Amino acid sequence: MTYILPPLNALRAFEAAARHLSFKLAAHELHVTPAAVGQQVKALEARLGVRLFERLHKQLILTAAGQTYLPAISEGFRHIAEATSQLKPAGAAQLQLGVHGSYDLRRLELAEFRSAHPDIGLRVLQPAGLHELVEGKVDLLIARGLGHHPGYRCDRISEGAGLGDWLVAPEGTADCPEVVSFRDWLRAFLAENPHANRRPRLVGVSGR
């Protein structure tokens, strides 16, 4: 059977833009320019012969056709990602963690994570910030701030109002197995080791 498919880059641009309802945020996720995302979506619309977005002033809205198309495309990419991850040999998964400069990594005892997850190669970049996450230099980030970043899942790892420490990951990869494994481990570790953090739990989520 021969599959008749639009260009995959155009589908990726549409799927990211549709999730974020923003060419700019989609561009951050895909590491291209907003203009490139817009051109890919326009080319896809021309190929399909339908409008997928209504482009209003400072606002992007899915058309009825776009709303119908998005779930199947997202599901298709999810299946591809899962099938690909299953092909990886043990120990092949790599996770790059970024950490802001003032965070004391000794509190986390990351050797415990590595011991519990020998199939995940954890690497740490410190100092790192949102710029490194946007640029794809890290997969997830322990950031200091208010934790409100559209297009990103932000889990607070310290209690209280105002500034705090947050675990931040792009929404497009926030549910990848390696990221989920670290998030779950961090939640459990901080709950079991309150001395490791003055504010010991993942208590909230924003950006989803």
C-alpha atoms as a PDB file:
ATOM      1  CA  MET A   1       0.000   0.000   0.000  1.00  0.00           C
ATOM      2  CA  THR A   2       1.318   3.422  -0.935  1.00  0.00           C
ATOM      3  CA  TYR A   3       0.502   6.172   1.563  1.00  0.00           C
ATOM      4  CA  ILE A   4      -0.387   9.543   0.065  1.00  0.00           C
ATOM      5  CA  LEU A   5       0.935  11.979   2.646  1.00  0.00           C
ATOM      6  CA  PRO A   6       1.602  15.706   2.769  1.00  0.00           C
ATOM      7  CA  PRO A   7       5.188  16.722   3.606  1.00  0.00           C
ATOM      8  CA  LEU A   8       5.921  15.698   7.196  1.00  0.00           C
ATOM      9  CA  ASN A   9       7.575  19.039   8.014  1.00  0.00           C
ATOM     10  CA  ALA A  10       4.370  20.801   7.025  1.00  0.00           C
ATOM     11  CA  LEU A  11       2.339  18.444   9.220  1.00  0.00           C
ATOM     12  CA  ARG A  12       4.693  19.086  12.154  1.00  0.00           C
ATOM     13  CA  ALA A  13       4.310  22.836  11.664  1.00  0.00           C
ATOM     14  CA  PHE A  14       0.518  22.558  11.575  1.00  0.00           C
ATOM     15  CA  GLU A  15       0.333  20.264  14.598  1.00  0.00           C
ATOM     16  CA  ALA A  16       2.565  22.494  16.743  1.00  0.00           C
ATOM     17  CA  ALA A  17       0.838  25.700  15.645  1.00  0.00           C
ATOM     18  CA  ALA A  18      -2.572  24.166  16.300  1.00  0.00           C
ATOM     19  CA  ARG A  19      -1.616  23.046  19.812  1.00  0.00           C
ATOM     20  CA  HIS A  20      -0.197  26.434  20.710  1.00  0.00           C
ATOM     21  CA  LEU A  21      -2.533  28.534  18.525  1.00  0.00           C
ATOM     22  CA  SER A  22       0.613  30.500  17.805  1.00  0.00           C
ATOM     23  CA  PHE A  23       3.175  30.427  15.011  1.00  0.00           C
ATOM     24  CA  LYS A  24       5.709  31.973  17.393  1.00  0.00           C
ATOM     25  CA  LEU A  25       5.397  29.285  20.070  1.00  0.00           C
ATOM     26  CA  ALA A  26       5.363  26.567  17.427  1.00  0.00           C
ATOM     27  CA  ALA A  27       8.571  28.035  16.016  1.00  0.00           C
ATOM     28  CA  HIS A  28      10.191  27.880  19.484  1.00  0.00           C
ATOM     29  CA  GLU A  29       9.250  24.223  19.815  1.00  0.00           C
ATOM     30  CA  LEU A  30      10.462  23.291  16.323  1.00  0.00           C
ATOM     31  CA  HIS A  31      13.560  25.499  16.455  1.00  0.00           C
ATOM     32  CA  VAL A  32      12.678  27.442  13.289  1.00  0.00           C
ATOM     33  CA  THR A  33      11.377  30.948  12.621  1.00  0.00           C
ATOM     34  CA  PRO A  34       7.682  31.927  12.887  1.00  0.00           C
ATOM     35  CA  ALA A  35       7.808  32.820   9.198  1.00  0.00           C
ATOM     36  CA  ALA A  36       8.950  29.287   8.364  1.00  0.00           C
ATOM     37  CA  VAL A  37       6.052  27.806  10.342  1.00  0.00           C
ATOM     38  CA  GLY A  38       3.621  30.109   8.568  1.00  0.00           C
ATOM     39  CA  GLN A  39       4.994  29.151   5.162  1.00  0.00           C
ATOM     40  CA  GLN A  40       4.772  25.433   5.947  1.00  0.00           C
ATOM     41  CA  VAL A  41       1.163  25.793   7.099  1.00  0.00           C
ATOM     42  CA  LYS A  42       0.270  27.856   4.027  1.00  0.00           C
ATOM     43  CA  ALA A  43       1.812  25.211   1.763  1.00  0.00           C
ATOM     44  CA  LEU A  44      -0.140  22.489   3.584  1.00  0.00           C
ATOM     45  CA  GLU A  45      -3.394  24.397   3.186  1.00  0.00           C
ATOM     46  CA  ALA A  46      -2.697  24.823  -0.535  1.00  0.00           C
ATOM     47  CA  ARG A  47      -1.978  21.119  -0.928  1.00  0.00           C
ATOM     48  CA  LEU A  48      -5.111  20.074   0.962  1.00  0.00           C
ATOM     49  CA  GLY A  49      -7.308  22.718  -0.614  1.00  0.00           C
ATOM     50  CA  VAL A  50      -8.762  23.818   2.732  1.00  0.00           C
ATOM     51  CA  ARG A  51      -8.072  26.550   5.276  1.00  0.00           C
ATOM     52  CA  LEU A  52      -6.831  25.161   8.572  1.00  0.00           C
ATOM     53  CA  PHE A  53      -6.538  28.479  10.443  1.00  0.00           C
ATOM     54  CA  GLU A  54      -8.314  31.795  10.607  1.00  0.00           C
ATOM     55  CA  ARG A  55      -5.563  34.396  10.864  1.00  0.00           C
ATOM     56  CA  LEU A  56      -6.958  37.291  12.867  1.00  0.00           C
ATOM     57  CA  HIS A  57      -5.109  40.284  14.285  1.00  0.00           C
ATOM     58  CA  LYS A  58      -2.714  38.846  16.878  1.00  0.00           C
ATOM     59  CA  GLN A  59      -4.810  35.702  17.060  1.00  0.00           C
ATOM     60  CA  LEU A  60      -4.790  32.283  15.408  1.00  0.00           C
ATOM     61  CA  ILE A  61      -7.995  30.210  15.363  1.00  0.00           C
ATOM     62  CA  LEU A  62      -8.541  26.715  14.018  1.00  0.00           C
ATOM     63  CA  THR A  63     -11.198  26.397  11.364  1.00  0.00           C
ATOM     64  CA  ALA A  64     -13.684  23.534  11.507  1.00  0.00           C
ATOM     65  CA  ALA A  65     -11.424  21.626   9.106  1.00  0.00           C
ATOM     66  CA  GLY A  66      -8.403  22.309  11.328  1.00  0.00           C
ATOM     67  CA  GLN A  67     -10.241  21.118  14.438  1.00  0.00           C
ATOM     68  CA  THR A  68     -11.173  17.894  12.639  1.00  0.00           C
ATOM     69  CA  TYR A  69      -7.646  17.351  11.296  1.00  0.00           C
ATOM     70  CA  LEU A  70      -5.646  18.043  14.470  1.00  0.00           C
ATOM     71  CA  PRO A  71      -6.549  15.023  16.689  1.00  0.00           C
ATOM     72  CA  ALA A  72      -5.670  12.475  14.000  1.00  0.00           C
ATOM     73  CA  ILE A  73      -2.376  14.200  13.167  1.00  0.00           C
ATOM     74  CA  SER A  74      -1.392  14.470  16.850  1.00  0.00           C
ATOM     75  CA  GLU A  75      -2.264  10.808  17.370  1.00  0.00           C
ATOM     76  CA  GLY A  76      -0.194   9.844  14.350  1.00  0.00           C
ATOM     77  CA  PHE A  77       2.868  11.639  15.681  1.00  0.00           C
ATOM     78  CA  ARG A  78       2.333  10.035  19.087  1.00  0.00           C
ATOM     79  CA  HIS A  79       2.313   6.563  17.515  1.00  0.00           C
ATOM     80  CA  ILE A  80       5.487   7.353  15.564  1.00  0.00           C
ATOM     81  CA  ALA A  81       7.214   8.587  18.728  1.00  0.00           C
ATOM     82  CA  GLU A  82       6.162   5.505  20.700  1.00  0.00           C
ATOM     83  CA  ALA A  83       7.230   3.116  17.951  1.00  0.00           C
ATOM     84  CA  THR A  84      10.594   4.865  17.713  1.00  0.00           C
ATOM     85  CA  SER A  85      11.176   4.750  21.471  1.00  0.00           C
ATOM     86  CA  GLN A  86      10.526   1.003  21.490  1.00  0.00           C
ATOM     87  CA  LEU A  87      13.353   0.475  19.013  1.00  0.00           C
ATOM     88  CA  LYS A  88      15.930   2.098  21.257  1.00  0.00           C
ATOM     89  CA  PRO A  89      18.267  -0.393  22.922  1.00  0.00           C
ATOM     90  CA  ALA A  90      18.589  -0.325  26.695  1.00  0.00           C
ATOM     91  CA  GLY A  91      20.526   2.702  27.875  1.00  0.00           C
ATOM     92  CA  ALA A  92      19.994   4.576  24.627  1.00  0.00           C
ATOM     93  CA  ALA A  93      17.558   7.174  26.002  1.00  0.00           C
ATOM     94  CA  GLN A  94      19.280  10.445  26.795  1.00  0.00           C
ATOM     95  CA  LEU A  95      17.869  13.187  29.014  1.00  0.00           C
ATOM     96  CA  GLN A  96      19.511  16.590  29.229  1.00  0.00           C
ATOM     97  CA  LEU A  97      18.505  18.474  32.394  1.00  0.00           C
ATOM     98  CA  GLY A  98      19.110  22.203  32.661  1.00  0.00           C
ATOM     99  CA  VAL A  99      19.371  23.826  36.083  1.00  0.00           C
ATOM    100  CA  HIS A 100      19.437  27.497  37.048  1.00  0.00           C
ATOM    101  CA  GLY A 101      22.688  28.707  38.502  1.00  0.00           C
ATOM    102  CA  SER A 102      21.622  29.219  42.114  1.00  0.00           C
ATOM    103  CA  TYR A 103      20.099  25.743  42.569  1.00  0.00           C
ATOM    104  CA  ASP A 104      22.169  23.413  44.777  1.00  0.00           C
ATOM    105  CA  LEU A 105      22.202  20.127  42.850  1.00  0.00           C
ATOM    106  CA  ARG A 106      23.657  18.278  45.829  1.00  0.00           C
ATOM    107  CA  ARG A 107      20.174  18.345  47.377  1.00  0.00           C
ATOM    108  CA  LEU A 108      18.812  16.046  44.669  1.00  0.00           C
ATOM    109  CA  GLU A 109      21.264  13.134  44.867  1.00  0.00           C
ATOM    110  CA  LEU A 110      20.874  12.458  41.144  1.00  0.00           C
ATOM    111  CA  ALA A 111      22.876   9.260  41.508  1.00  0.00           C
ATOM    112  CA  GLU A 112      19.682   7.759  42.924  1.00  0.00           C
ATOM    113  CA  PHE A 113      17.804   8.593  39.726  1.00  0.00           C
ATOM    114  CA  ARG A 114      20.579   7.112  37.594  1.00  0.00           C
ATOM    115  CA  SER A 115      20.563   3.960  39.711  1.00  0.00           C
ATOM    116  CA  ALA A 116      16.786   3.628  39.513  1.00  0.00           C
ATOM    117  CA  HIS A 117      16.725   4.305  35.746  1.00  0.00           C
ATOM    118  CA  PRO A 118      19.819   2.705  34.187  1.00  0.00           C
ATOM    119  CA  ASP A 119      18.087   2.881  30.793  1.00  0.00           C
ATOM    120  CA  ILE A 120      18.177   6.697  30.861  1.00  0.00           C
ATOM    121  CA  GLY A 121      21.421   8.577  30.418  1.00  0.00           C
ATOM    122  CA  LEU A 122      20.988  11.750  32.496  1.00  0.00           C
ATOM    123  CA  ARG A 123      23.221  14.717  31.714  1.00  0.00           C
ATOM    124  CA  VAL A 124      23.118  18.066  33.505  1.00  0.00           C
ATOM    125  CA  LEU A 125      23.811  21.565  32.205  1.00  0.00           C
ATOM    126  CA  GLN A 126      24.249  24.260  34.831  1.00  0.00           C
ATOM    127  CA  PRO A 127      23.700  27.149  34.626  1.00  0.00           C
ATOM    128  CA  ALA A 128      20.841  26.949  32.142  1.00  0.00           C
ATOM    129  CA  GLY A 129      17.645  28.911  31.578  1.00  0.00           C
ATOM    130  CA  LEU A 130      14.621  29.155  29.337  1.00  0.00           C
ATOM    131  CA  HIS A 131      16.838  30.153  26.426  1.00  0.00           C
ATOM    132  CA  GLU A 132      18.607  26.785  26.509  1.00  0.00           C
ATOM    133  CA  LEU A 133      15.234  25.017  26.672  1.00  0.00           C
ATOM    134  CA  VAL A 134      13.845  26.968  23.709  1.00  0.00           C
ATOM    135  CA  GLU A 135      17.010  26.313  21.716  1.00  0.00           C
ATOM    136  CA  GLY A 136      16.776  22.577  22.390  1.00  0.00           C
ATOM    137  CA  LYS A 137      20.017  22.437  24.361  1.00  0.00           C
ATOM    138  CA  VAL A 138      18.169  20.835  27.293  1.00  0.00           C
ATOM    139  CA  ASP A 139      15.059  18.633  27.409  1.00  0.00           C
ATOM    140  CA  LEU A 140      13.701  19.967  30.656  1.00  0.00           C
ATOM    141  CA  LEU A 141      14.685  22.685  33.067  1.00  0.00           C
ATOM    142  CA  ILE A 142      14.711  23.471  36.754  1.00  0.00           C
ATOM    143  CA  ALA A 143      13.995  27.196  36.558  1.00  0.00           C
ATOM    144  CA  ARG A 144      13.623  29.965  39.102  1.00  0.00           C
ATOM    145  CA  GLY A 145      10.698  32.301  38.600  1.00  0.00           C
ATOM    146  CA  LEU A 146       6.921  32.504  38.461  1.00  0.00           C
ATOM    147  CA  GLY A 147       6.531  29.462  36.211  1.00  0.00           C
ATOM    148  CA  HIS A 148       4.152  30.914  33.625  1.00  0.00           C
ATOM    149  CA  HIS A 149       5.410  30.056  30.135  1.00  0.00           C
ATOM    150  CA  PRO A 150       2.768  29.505  27.403  1.00  0.00           C
ATOM    151  CA  GLY A 151       3.468  26.319  25.471  1.00  0.00           C
ATOM    152  CA  TYR A 152       5.356  24.731  28.359  1.00  0.00           C
ATOM    153  CA  ARG A 153       4.306  22.466  31.208  1.00  0.00           C
ATOM    154  CA  CYS A 154       5.462  23.988  34.493  1.00  0.00           C
ATOM    155  CA  ASP A 155       5.430  21.917  37.706  1.00  0.00           C
ATOM    156  CA  ARG A 156       6.306  23.772  40.859  1.00  0.00           C
ATOM    157  CA  ILE A 157       8.849  22.007  43.047  1.00  0.00           C
ATOM    158  CA  SER A 158       8.614  24.493  45.914  1.00  0.00           C
ATOM    159  CA  GLU A 159       5.533  25.593  47.813  1.00  0.00           C
ATOM    160  CA  GLY A 160       4.352  29.115  48.425  1.00  0.00           C
ATOM    161  CA  ALA A 161       3.464  32.188  46.411  1.00  0.00           C
ATOM    162  CA  GLY A 162       5.765  34.329  44.318  1.00  0.00           C
ATOM    163  CA  LEU A 163       9.095  33.211  42.966  1.00  0.00           C
ATOM    164  CA  GLY A 164       9.957  29.541  43.233  1.00  0.00           C
ATOM    165  CA  ASP A 165      11.670  26.589  41.574  1.00  0.00           C
ATOM    166  CA  TRP A 166       9.824  24.943  38.675  1.00  0.00           C
ATOM    167  CA  LEU A 167      10.342  21.900  36.482  1.00  0.00           C
ATOM    168  CA  VAL A 168       9.663  23.125  32.939  1.00  0.00           C
ATOM    169  CA  ALA A 169       9.286  21.075  29.737  1.00  0.00           C
ATOM    170  CA  PRO A 170       7.832  21.877  26.298  1.00  0.00           C
ATOM    171  CA  GLU A 171       4.240  20.666  26.085  1.00  0.00           C
ATOM    172  CA  GLY A 172       5.168  18.732  22.949  1.00  0.00           C
ATOM    173  CA  THR A 173       7.646  16.552  24.870  1.00  0.00           C
ATOM    174  CA  ALA A 174       6.352  16.846  28.447  1.00  0.00           C
ATOM    175  CA  ASP A 175       4.881  13.336  28.271  1.00  0.00           C
ATOM    176  CA  CYS A 176       7.926  11.610  26.766  1.00  0.00           C
ATOM    177  CA  PRO A 177       8.909   8.554  28.840  1.00  0.00           C
ATOM    178  CA  GLU A 178      12.251   9.989  29.961  1.00  0.00           C
ATOM    179  CA  VAL A 179      10.700  13.291  31.059  1.00  0.00           C
ATOM    180  CA  VAL A 180       7.824  11.552  32.850  1.00  0.00           C
ATOM    181  CA  SER A 181      10.287   9.251  34.622  1.00  0.00           C
ATOM    182  CA  PHE A 182      12.318  12.182  35.932  1.00  0.00           C
ATOM    183  CA  ARG A 183       9.234  14.164  36.939  1.00  0.00           C
ATOM    184  CA  ASP A 184       7.792  11.210  38.858  1.00  0.00           C
ATOM    185  CA  TRP A 185      11.135  10.443  40.488  1.00  0.00           C
ATOM    186  CA  LEU A 186      11.618  14.070  41.509  1.00  0.00           C
ATOM    187  CA  ARG A 187       8.124  14.237  43.014  1.00  0.00           C
ATOM    188  CA  ALA A 188       8.748  11.074  45.040  1.00  0.00           C
ATOM    189  CA  PHE A 189      12.275  12.055  46.047  1.00  0.00           C
ATOM    190  CA  LEU A 190      11.295  15.482  47.366  1.00  0.00           C
ATOM    191  CA  ALA A 191       8.318  14.005  49.229  1.00  0.00           C
ATOM    192  CA  GLU A 192      10.524  11.393  50.902  1.00  0.00           C
ATOM    193  CA  ASN A 193      13.434  13.757  51.553  1.00  0.00           C
ATOM    194  CA  PRO A 194      12.009  17.044  52.851  1.00  0.00           C
ATOM    195  CA  HIS A 195      15.499  18.077  53.888  1.00  0.00           C
ATOM    196  CA  ALA A 196      16.413  18.220  50.206  1.00  0.00           C
ATOM    197  CA  ASN A 197      14.158  21.200  49.636  1.00  0.00           C
ATOM    198  CA  ARG A 198      12.534  23.660  51.966  1.00  0.00           C
ATOM    199  CA  ARG A 199       9.406  23.327  49.837  1.00  0.00           C
ATOM    200  CA  PRO A 200       9.303  19.586  49.166  1.00  0.00           C
ATOM    201  CA  ARG A 201       6.514  18.735  46.716  1.00  0.00           C
ATOM    202  CA  LEU A 202       5.380  19.222  43.148  1.00  0.00           C
ATOM    203  CA  VAL A 203       2.261  21.152  44.069  1.00  0.00           C
ATOM    204  CA  GLY A 204       0.924  22.768  40.929  1.00  0.00           C
ATOM    205  CA  VAL A 205       0.846  22.757  37.161  1.00  0.00           C
ATOM    206  CA  SER A 206       0.533  25.661  34.762  1.00  0.00           C
ATOM    207  CA  GLY A 207       0.817  25.944  31.029  1.00  0.00           C
ATOM    208  CA  ARG A 208      -1.433  23.015  30.160  1.00  0.00           C
END
